[in-house]
Amino acid sequence: MRAALNAAIARQLITFNAAEHVELASGKRPKGLLWTEERVRHWERTGAKPSPVMVWTPEQLGRFLDAAEGDRLYPMFHLIAFRGLRRGEAVGQNWMDINLDRAELTVAKEIVQDGGTTYESEPKTDGSAATIHLDSRTVTVLRAHRARQNRERLKWGEAWQDTGKAFTREDGSWLHPEAVSDAFRRIVKAAGLPPINLRDLRHGAATLTHAGGGDLHTIKETLRHSTITLTSDTYSNLLPDIDREVSEKAARLVPRSRPKAAGGTSGLTSGSPATAQGSVFPLAKIDLKPFSEVNRGMPVDPLGGAGGTRTHGRRIMSPLL
């Protein structure tokens, strides 16, 4: 509003910007939540979504893809689910920007919906126009889709509209973005899945990339974000099983001298200290000469003894303490 009124002032249509001193609370990007069993039960009981942005688990995504496989838009849904294209980017994707032999796809155009009309545009940002890699399963899906589209081309003959788009209606004409969303919602409902928006498949693609071993930089490049901060704030949802696996791997990185006994402690729990394998300070490698000098020839108990060994009023402490 401020920018619009400033433009009006520059055109001498008005003399005062009424929005100049208006302060609005900063908007917060909604955090995506995973459709856990508890949240699914809550939704089934109340009909309420826990968050505006919900993400399916891999099992739930698999159920959707199985249900969508017979739909002619299945290849588009598959591509969005695994490579994170936006709806307009998928609808506007050209075949000439897909190289299946190299397993690469370049996002170069998008179809924008303005009310009931649509028009072709450049991607929303410079970073959005980029090349991403395709997994082998997605390449297979797209090859089968192109073969079917060629059969449709032959069937329609001269009536075929050669738009060059990868995903079209049966006659080759553009898909309307909202028609794609309608088809998505129809399949979700028929499959009995908890609801998500078509755009939430993009969030799911980020989560799958992370679960597959990709770090934030990999997710940023796949989703073509302008900054890694945006990626971290929005898409770095960890699946519980992956989070648990990572924590277990981290714990196993630290070597211990022996397994922890039930009800006891690990490390030096019994036996001679000289036989404690892997202890941080093996007594065999500690020079006890300074202790002997302090004791002036008196015997030194390396573990401090019961109550410690005193020499001239001083306690000789164990080198392990």
Protein backbone atom coordinates (compact mmCIF):
# COMPACT_ATOMS: atom_id res chain seq x y z
CA MET A 1 0.00 0.00 0.00
CA ARG A 2 2.84 2.36 0.86
CA ALA A 3 4.52 1.70 -2.48
CA ALA A 4 1.27 2.23 -4.40
CA LEU A 5 0.60 5.55 -2.67
CA ASN A 6 4.19 6.68 -3.26
CA ALA A 7 3.73 5.90 -6.94
CA ALA A 8 0.56 8.01 -6.91
CA ILE A 9 2.47 10.89 -5.32
CA ALA A 10 5.15 10.62 -8.04
CA ARG A 11 2.40 10.95 -10.64
CA GLN A 12 1.03 13.97 -8.76
CA LEU A 13 -2.29 12.23 -8.20
CA ILE A 14 -2.13 12.76 -4.43
CA THR A 15 0.08 14.79 -2.11
CA PHE A 16 0.10 12.67 1.06
CA ASN A 17 0.87 9.01 1.77
CA ALA A 18 -1.62 7.94 4.42
CA ALA A 19 0.19 4.64 4.93
CA GLU A 20 3.61 6.17 5.52
CA HIS A 21 3.60 5.80 9.30
CA VAL A 22 1.48 2.67 9.60
CA GLU A 23 3.30 -0.12 11.44
CA LEU A 24 2.24 -3.72 11.03
CA ALA A 25 3.32 -6.74 12.99
CA SER A 26 5.90 -8.76 11.10
CA GLY A 27 4.41 -11.79 9.43
CA LYS A 28 5.50 -15.22 10.54
CA ARG A 29 6.03 -18.03 8.09
CA PRO A 30 3.89 -21.01 9.17
CA LYS A 31 5.86 -24.04 10.26
CA GLY A 32 5.05 -27.31 8.60
CA LEU A 33 3.91 -30.16 10.83
CA LEU A 34 4.06 -33.86 10.10
CA TRP A 35 0.82 -35.83 9.99
CA THR A 36 1.67 -38.10 12.91
CA GLU A 37 -0.80 -40.72 14.14
CA GLU A 38 -1.82 -38.46 17.03
CA ARG A 39 -2.53 -35.53 14.72
CA VAL A 40 -4.44 -37.73 12.30
CA ARG A 41 -6.65 -38.96 15.14
CA HIS A 42 -7.24 -35.36 16.25
CA TRP A 43 -8.21 -34.39 12.70
CA GLU A 44 -10.55 -37.38 12.38
CA ARG A 45 -12.20 -36.43 15.67
CA THR A 46 -12.48 -32.65 15.18
CA GLY A 47 -11.94 -32.03 11.46
CA ALA A 48 -9.31 -29.39 12.32
CA LYS A 49 -5.84 -29.21 10.77
CA PRO A 50 -3.11 -28.62 13.37
CA SER A 51 -1.34 -26.14 11.08
CA PRO A 52 -1.98 -24.40 7.75
CA VAL A 53 1.04 -26.31 6.42
CA MET A 54 0.91 -30.08 6.88
CA VAL A 55 3.35 -32.68 5.57
CA TRP A 56 2.66 -36.33 4.85
CA THR A 57 4.86 -39.11 6.13
CA PRO A 58 6.56 -41.25 3.44
CA GLU A 59 3.94 -43.94 4.03
CA GLN A 60 1.10 -41.46 3.50
CA LEU A 61 2.76 -40.10 0.37
CA GLY A 62 3.07 -43.66 -0.93
CA ARG A 63 -0.66 -44.19 -0.40
CA PHE A 64 -1.40 -41.03 -2.36
CA LEU A 65 0.86 -41.96 -5.26
CA ASP A 66 -0.69 -45.43 -5.41
CA ALA A 67 -4.16 -43.85 -5.54
CA ALA A 68 -3.09 -41.28 -8.15
CA GLU A 69 -1.28 -43.68 -10.47
CA GLY A 70 -4.33 -44.20 -12.67
CA ASP A 71 -4.91 -40.45 -13.11
CA ARG A 72 -3.47 -38.72 -16.18
CA LEU A 73 -1.95 -36.05 -13.88
CA TYR A 74 -0.06 -38.65 -11.87
CA PRO A 75 3.32 -37.85 -13.52
CA MET A 76 2.97 -34.19 -12.48
CA PHE A 77 2.11 -35.11 -8.89
CA HIS A 78 5.04 -37.52 -8.82
CA LEU A 79 7.42 -34.80 -10.05
CA ILE A 80 6.19 -32.26 -7.51
CA ALA A 81 6.35 -34.78 -4.66
CA PHE A 82 9.96 -35.79 -5.28
CA ARG A 83 11.58 -32.71 -6.84
CA GLY A 84 9.57 -29.93 -5.23
CA LEU A 85 8.30 -27.92 -8.20
CA ARG A 86 5.70 -25.24 -7.52
CA ARG A 87 2.28 -25.74 -9.09
CA GLY A 88 2.74 -22.98 -11.68
CA GLU A 89 6.21 -24.29 -12.55
CA ALA A 90 4.91 -27.81 -13.12
CA VAL A 91 1.99 -26.61 -15.26
CA GLY A 92 4.35 -24.37 -17.27
CA GLN A 93 7.14 -26.94 -17.71
CA ASN A 94 8.27 -27.33 -21.33
CA TRP A 95 9.55 -30.58 -22.81
CA MET A 96 12.47 -28.76 -24.38
CA ASP A 97 13.71 -27.96 -20.85
CA ILE A 98 13.71 -31.63 -19.81
CA ASN A 99 16.61 -33.91 -20.74
CA LEU A 100 15.72 -37.43 -19.69
CA ASP A 101 18.98 -38.89 -20.96
CA ARG A 102 20.93 -36.66 -18.57
CA ALA A 103 18.18 -36.85 -15.93
CA GLU A 104 17.92 -33.07 -15.72
CA LEU A 105 15.06 -30.60 -15.66
CA THR A 106 15.35 -26.83 -16.05
CA VAL A 107 12.62 -24.63 -14.62
CA ALA A 108 12.26 -21.80 -17.13
CA LYS A 109 8.55 -20.93 -17.34
CA GLU A 110 5.47 -20.98 -15.17
CA ILE A 111 1.74 -20.57 -15.69
CA VAL A 112 0.31 -17.90 -13.41
CA GLN A 113 -3.35 -17.75 -12.45
CA ASP A 114 -4.88 -14.27 -12.25
CA GLY A 115 -8.48 -14.71 -11.25
CA GLY A 116 -10.01 -16.97 -13.86
CA THR A 117 -7.39 -16.27 -16.51
CA THR A 118 -3.89 -17.66 -16.92
CA TYR A 119 -0.74 -16.38 -18.55
CA GLU A 120 2.82 -17.58 -19.01
CA SER A 121 5.59 -15.87 -17.06
CA GLU A 122 9.20 -16.20 -15.99
CA PRO A 123 9.74 -18.00 -12.67
CA LYS A 124 9.05 -15.91 -9.56
CA THR A 125 12.75 -15.23 -8.82
CA ASP A 126 16.06 -15.50 -10.67
CA GLY A 127 17.01 -18.38 -8.38
CA SER A 128 13.82 -20.23 -9.28
CA ALA A 129 14.99 -20.54 -12.89
CA ALA A 130 17.52 -23.32 -12.40
CA THR A 131 18.38 -26.88 -13.35
CA ILE A 132 17.68 -29.76 -10.98
CA HIS A 133 18.53 -33.44 -11.20
CA LEU A 134 15.95 -36.19 -11.54
CA ASP A 135 16.02 -39.55 -9.82
CA SER A 136 15.78 -42.67 -11.95
CA ARG A 137 12.21 -43.46 -10.93
CA THR A 138 11.03 -40.00 -11.92
CA VAL A 139 12.80 -40.36 -15.27
CA THR A 140 10.94 -43.62 -15.86
CA VAL A 141 7.61 -41.99 -14.99
CA LEU A 142 8.26 -39.07 -17.35
CA ARG A 143 9.28 -41.38 -20.22
CA ALA A 144 6.02 -43.30 -19.90
CA HIS A 145 4.11 -40.02 -19.74
CA ARG A 146 5.73 -38.70 -22.91
CA ALA A 147 4.86 -41.92 -24.75
CA ARG A 148 1.23 -41.57 -23.72
CA GLN A 149 1.18 -37.91 -24.74
CA ASN A 150 2.50 -38.87 -28.18
CA ARG A 151 -0.35 -41.35 -28.52
CA GLU A 152 -2.79 -38.55 -27.64
CA ARG A 153 -1.15 -36.36 -30.29
CA LEU A 154 -1.75 -39.01 -32.95
CA LYS A 155 -5.33 -39.50 -31.80
CA TRP A 156 -6.20 -35.80 -32.06
CA GLY A 157 -4.38 -35.28 -35.34
CA GLU A 158 -4.67 -31.72 -36.68
CA ALA A 159 -6.79 -30.67 -33.71
CA TRP A 160 -3.82 -31.22 -31.39
CA GLN A 161 -2.53 -27.97 -29.87
CA ASP A 162 1.25 -28.09 -29.90
CA THR A 163 2.00 -25.97 -26.83
CA GLY A 164 5.23 -27.78 -26.02
CA LYS A 165 4.13 -28.29 -22.43
CA ALA A 166 5.02 -31.47 -20.61
CA PHE A 167 1.66 -31.64 -18.84
CA THR A 168 -1.43 -30.75 -20.83
CA ARG A 169 -5.07 -31.56 -21.43
CA GLU A 170 -5.92 -34.40 -23.80
CA ASP A 171 -5.77 -32.02 -26.79
CA GLY A 172 -2.37 -30.57 -25.85
CA SER A 173 -3.72 -27.27 -24.49
CA TRP A 174 -2.61 -25.66 -21.25
CA LEU A 175 -3.75 -27.02 -17.93
CA HIS A 176 -5.44 -24.55 -15.61
CA PRO A 177 -3.55 -24.47 -12.27
CA GLU A 178 -6.76 -24.63 -10.23
CA ALA A 179 -7.94 -27.67 -12.20
CA VAL A 180 -4.75 -29.41 -11.09
CA SER A 181 -5.46 -28.54 -7.45
CA ASP A 182 -9.04 -29.80 -7.82
CA ALA A 183 -7.78 -33.14 -9.14
CA PHE A 184 -5.30 -33.37 -6.29
CA ARG A 185 -7.96 -32.75 -3.63
CA ARG A 186 -10.26 -35.31 -5.26
CA ILE A 187 -7.62 -38.03 -5.11
CA VAL A 188 -6.66 -37.17 -1.51
CA LYS A 189 -10.28 -37.41 -0.37
CA ALA A 190 -10.89 -40.68 -2.22
CA ALA A 191 -7.77 -42.20 -0.64
CA GLY A 192 -8.95 -41.24 2.86
CA LEU A 193 -5.74 -39.36 3.57
CA PRO A 194 -5.38 -36.43 5.98
CA PRO A 195 -5.62 -33.21 3.96
CA ILE A 196 -2.71 -31.21 2.65
CA ASN A 197 -2.50 -28.54 -0.02
CA LEU A 198 -0.87 -29.27 -3.36
CA ARG A 199 1.89 -26.85 -2.40
CA ASP A 200 2.56 -28.95 0.71
CA LEU A 201 3.94 -31.66 -1.58
CA ARG A 202 6.85 -29.24 -2.02
CA HIS A 203 7.41 -29.23 1.75
CA GLY A 204 7.30 -33.01 1.67
CA ALA A 205 9.96 -33.07 -1.07
CA ALA A 206 12.25 -31.04 1.19
CA THR A 207 11.67 -33.44 4.07
CA LEU A 208 12.35 -36.48 1.85
CA THR A 209 15.56 -34.87 0.58
CA HIS A 210 16.70 -34.32 4.16
CA ALA A 211 15.74 -37.86 5.15
CA GLY A 212 17.71 -39.16 2.16
CA GLY A 213 20.88 -37.55 3.51
CA GLY A 214 20.69 -34.08 1.94
CA ASP A 215 21.78 -31.13 4.05
CA LEU A 216 20.22 -27.67 4.02
CA HIS A 217 22.36 -26.58 1.08
CA THR A 218 21.11 -29.54 -0.99
CA ILE A 219 17.51 -28.70 -0.11
CA LYS A 220 18.12 -25.05 -0.99
CA GLU A 221 19.47 -25.99 -4.42
CA THR A 222 16.66 -28.46 -5.09
CA LEU A 223 13.91 -26.02 -4.15
CA ARG A 224 15.81 -23.10 -5.68
CA HIS A 225 15.56 -20.74 -2.72
CA SER A 226 17.27 -17.37 -2.70
CA THR A 227 18.79 -17.85 0.77
CA ILE A 228 19.55 -20.80 2.99
CA THR A 229 17.78 -18.97 5.84
CA LEU A 230 14.50 -19.34 3.99
CA THR A 231 15.19 -23.04 3.57
CA SER A 232 16.02 -23.50 7.24
CA ASP A 233 13.01 -21.55 8.49
CA THR A 234 10.48 -23.27 6.27
CA TYR A 235 11.49 -26.72 5.08
CA SER A 236 13.89 -28.32 7.54
CA ASN A 237 11.31 -30.65 9.09
CA LEU A 238 12.86 -33.84 10.39
CA LEU A 239 10.92 -37.06 10.29
CA PRO A 240 10.84 -38.65 13.76
CA ASP A 241 12.46 -41.89 12.61
CA ILE A 242 15.25 -39.97 10.86
CA ASP A 243 15.76 -37.73 13.89
CA ARG A 244 15.99 -40.80 16.13
CA GLU A 245 18.46 -42.47 13.78
CA VAL A 246 20.67 -39.38 13.67
CA SER A 247 20.72 -39.13 17.48
CA GLU A 248 21.68 -42.80 17.79
CA LYS A 249 24.50 -42.40 15.25
CA ALA A 250 25.79 -39.36 17.12
CA ALA A 251 25.85 -41.28 20.40
CA ARG A 252 27.77 -44.16 18.80
CA LEU A 253 30.56 -41.83 17.66
CA VAL A 254 32.00 -41.73 21.21
CA PRO A 255 34.00 -44.88 22.05
CA ARG A 256 33.66 -46.26 25.57
CA SER A 257 35.95 -48.65 27.46
CA ARG A 258 33.23 -51.23 28.13
CA PRO A 259 29.44 -51.57 27.91
CA LYS A 260 27.50 -49.98 30.73
CA ALA A 261 26.43 -52.58 33.30
CA ALA A 262 22.84 -52.72 34.46
CA GLY A 263 22.45 -50.30 37.36
CA GLY A 264 26.15 -49.44 37.23
CA THR A 265 28.43 -47.06 35.41
CA SER A 266 30.66 -47.52 32.42
CA GLY A 267 34.40 -47.11 32.46
CA LEU A 268 36.44 -47.83 35.59
CA THR A 269 34.00 -49.81 37.69
CA SER A 270 36.11 -52.76 38.83
CA GLY A 271 39.49 -54.35 38.52
CA SER A 272 42.94 -52.81 38.53
CA PRO A 273 43.16 -49.32 37.04
CA ALA A 274 46.08 -50.44 34.98
CA THR A 275 43.84 -52.94 33.19
CA ALA A 276 41.08 -50.48 32.31
CA GLN A 277 41.27 -50.63 28.52
CA GLY A 278 40.73 -47.38 26.71
CA SER A 279 40.63 -45.17 29.83
CA VAL A 280 41.41 -41.55 29.19
CA PHE A 281 44.41 -41.50 31.55
CA PRO A 282 45.98 -45.01 31.63
CA LEU A 283 48.03 -45.27 34.81
CA ALA A 284 50.76 -47.14 32.98
CA LYS A 285 51.51 -43.95 31.06
CA ILE A 286 51.46 -41.54 34.04
CA ASP A 287 54.78 -40.47 35.53
CA LEU A 288 54.48 -40.89 39.29
CA LYS A 289 57.88 -39.34 39.95
CA PRO A 290 56.45 -35.97 41.07
CA PHE A 291 54.33 -37.78 43.66
CA SER A 292 57.36 -39.69 44.95
CA GLU A 293 59.34 -36.48 45.29
CA VAL A 294 56.54 -34.87 47.26
CA ASN A 295 56.38 -37.93 49.50
CA ARG A 296 60.15 -37.95 49.84
CA GLY A 297 60.35 -41.66 49.26
CA MET A 298 57.10 -42.59 50.96
CA PRO A 299 54.83 -45.06 49.07
CA VAL A 300 52.12 -43.55 46.96
CA ASP A 301 48.67 -45.07 46.58
CA PRO A 302 47.77 -44.29 42.92
CA LEU A 303 44.06 -44.33 43.75
CA GLY A 304 44.37 -42.08 46.78
CA GLY A 305 43.72 -44.87 49.27
CA ALA A 306 41.03 -44.86 51.89
CA GLY A 307 40.94 -41.24 52.91
CA GLY A 308 44.07 -40.50 50.87
CA THR A 309 47.79 -40.68 51.80
CA ARG A 310 49.10 -37.74 53.83
CA THR A 311 52.68 -36.49 53.83
CA HIS A 312 53.61 -33.51 55.95
CA GLY A 313 49.95 -32.56 56.24
CA ARG A 314 49.25 -32.78 52.49
CA ARG A 315 46.89 -35.22 50.74
CA ILE A 316 48.28 -37.01 47.71
CA MET A 317 45.34 -37.25 45.32
CA SER A 318 44.88 -39.87 42.64
CA PRO A 319 46.10 -38.71 39.19
CA LEU A 320 42.69 -39.81 37.92
CA LEU A 321 40.80 -37.20 39.98
